Amino acid sequence: MEQNKSLKDIILRPLMTEKVVSGEKLNKYTFLVRQDANKIMLKQAIKEIYGVVPAKINLIAVKPKKVNRRGGEGVKGSKMKKAIVTLKEGQSLNKAK
């Protein structure tokens, strides 16, 4: 039971930008995921939450932005990880879930 709860917590939220929305026409969906997530865990989470098996998954580590402040350099934001999930032709994710 604990395994299922952690699978649902892997995907933090879907990302909605102009570039992401244009990729949905090509069956590519982008999510913000936990730092410790890997492709196997993400594939199981997509299968459990949305009921489809992804054809391909790409993970991208996004570094925080550096900013200059009065006392020196600082960091704005935190480390993130994005996942681009590609589905087979004819499949789509039900956004209502």
Protein backbone atom coordinates (compact mmCIF):
# COMPACT_ATOMS: atom_id res chain seq x y z
CA MET A 1 0.00 0.00 0.00
CA GLU A 2 2.87 2.36 0.78
CA GLN A 3 4.29 1.71 -2.71
CA ASN A 4 1.09 2.99 -4.39
CA LYS A 5 1.05 6.16 -2.30
CA SER A 6 4.65 6.96 -3.21
CA LEU A 7 3.97 6.34 -6.92
CA LYS A 8 1.24 8.98 -6.90
CA ASP A 9 3.58 11.43 -5.16
CA ILE A 10 6.26 11.15 -7.87
CA ILE A 11 4.47 13.53 -10.25
CA LEU A 12 4.23 16.93 -8.60
CA ARG A 13 2.29 18.79 -11.31
CA PRO A 14 1.97 19.08 -15.09
CA LEU A 15 3.78 22.01 -16.71
CA MET A 16 1.70 24.31 -18.90
CA THR A 17 3.71 26.62 -21.16
CA GLU A 18 3.32 27.51 -24.82
CA LYS A 19 6.06 25.09 -25.80
CA VAL A 20 4.53 22.26 -23.76
CA VAL A 21 1.04 22.82 -25.17
CA SER A 22 2.39 22.70 -28.73
CA GLY A 23 4.14 19.41 -27.87
CA GLU A 24 0.86 17.83 -26.81
CA LYS A 25 -0.13 17.70 -30.48
CA LEU A 26 2.80 15.29 -30.91
CA ASN A 27 1.69 13.17 -27.89
CA LYS A 28 4.38 14.68 -25.63
CA TYR A 29 3.38 15.71 -22.11
CA THR A 30 5.65 17.49 -19.61
CA PHE A 31 5.54 17.10 -15.83
CA LEU A 32 7.45 18.43 -12.86
CA VAL A 33 8.61 15.39 -10.87
CA ARG A 34 10.47 14.68 -7.63
CA GLN A 35 14.27 14.94 -7.59
CA ASP A 36 14.74 11.24 -6.79
CA ALA A 37 12.38 10.00 -9.55
CA ASN A 38 13.72 7.71 -12.26
CA LYS A 39 12.25 6.45 -15.54
CA ILE A 40 11.03 3.15 -14.12
CA MET A 41 9.18 4.80 -11.23
CA LEU A 42 7.72 7.42 -13.57
CA LYS A 43 6.50 4.80 -16.03
CA GLN A 44 4.69 2.95 -13.22
CA ALA A 45 3.17 6.20 -11.92
CA ILE A 46 1.85 7.21 -15.38
CA LYS A 47 0.39 3.73 -15.84
CA GLU A 48 -1.33 3.86 -12.43
CA ILE A 49 -2.64 7.44 -12.58
CA TYR A 50 -3.61 7.80 -16.25
CA GLY A 51 -3.99 4.16 -17.35
CA VAL A 52 -1.62 4.38 -20.35
CA VAL A 53 1.87 3.00 -20.90
CA PRO A 54 4.36 5.63 -22.14
CA ALA A 55 6.42 4.85 -25.22
CA LYS A 56 9.35 7.04 -24.17
CA ILE A 57 10.38 9.09 -21.13
CA ASN A 58 13.06 11.81 -21.01
CA LEU A 59 14.22 13.26 -17.68
CA ILE A 60 15.83 16.70 -17.51
CA ALA A 61 17.51 18.15 -14.43
CA VAL A 62 16.90 21.90 -14.21
CA LYS A 63 19.47 23.93 -12.28
CA PRO A 64 18.43 26.87 -10.10
CA LYS A 65 19.09 30.35 -11.46
CA LYS A 66 21.99 32.38 -10.10
CA VAL A 67 21.36 35.98 -9.10
CA ASN A 68 23.69 38.77 -8.05
CA ARG A 69 22.88 40.41 -4.77
CA ARG A 70 24.53 43.07 -2.68
CA GLY A 71 26.44 40.56 -0.56
CA GLY A 72 27.54 38.45 -3.51
CA GLU A 73 26.04 35.70 -5.61
CA GLY A 74 22.96 33.84 -4.51
CA VAL A 75 20.62 31.19 -5.81
CA LYS A 76 17.01 31.80 -6.76
CA GLY A 77 14.69 28.82 -6.71
CA SER A 78 15.58 25.19 -6.17
CA LYS A 79 16.72 22.22 -8.23
CA MET A 80 13.93 20.61 -10.21
CA LYS A 81 13.48 17.69 -12.53
CA LYS A 82 11.23 17.71 -15.59
CA ALA A 83 9.88 14.64 -17.35
CA ILE A 84 8.80 14.61 -20.99
CA VAL A 85 6.50 11.64 -21.56
CA THR A 86 5.85 10.50 -25.14
CA LEU A 87 2.80 8.33 -25.77
CA LYS A 88 2.02 6.02 -28.65
CA GLU A 89 -0.08 7.25 -31.57
CA GLY A 90 -3.77 7.44 -30.65
CA GLN A 91 -3.20 7.61 -26.87
CA SER A 92 -3.73 10.68 -24.71
CA LEU A 93 -3.74 11.58 -21.03
CA ASN A 94 -7.05 12.37 -19.38
CA LYS A 95 -6.34 15.75 -17.71
CA ALA A 96 -9.46 15.49 -15.52
CA LYS A 97 -7.82 13.00 -13.13
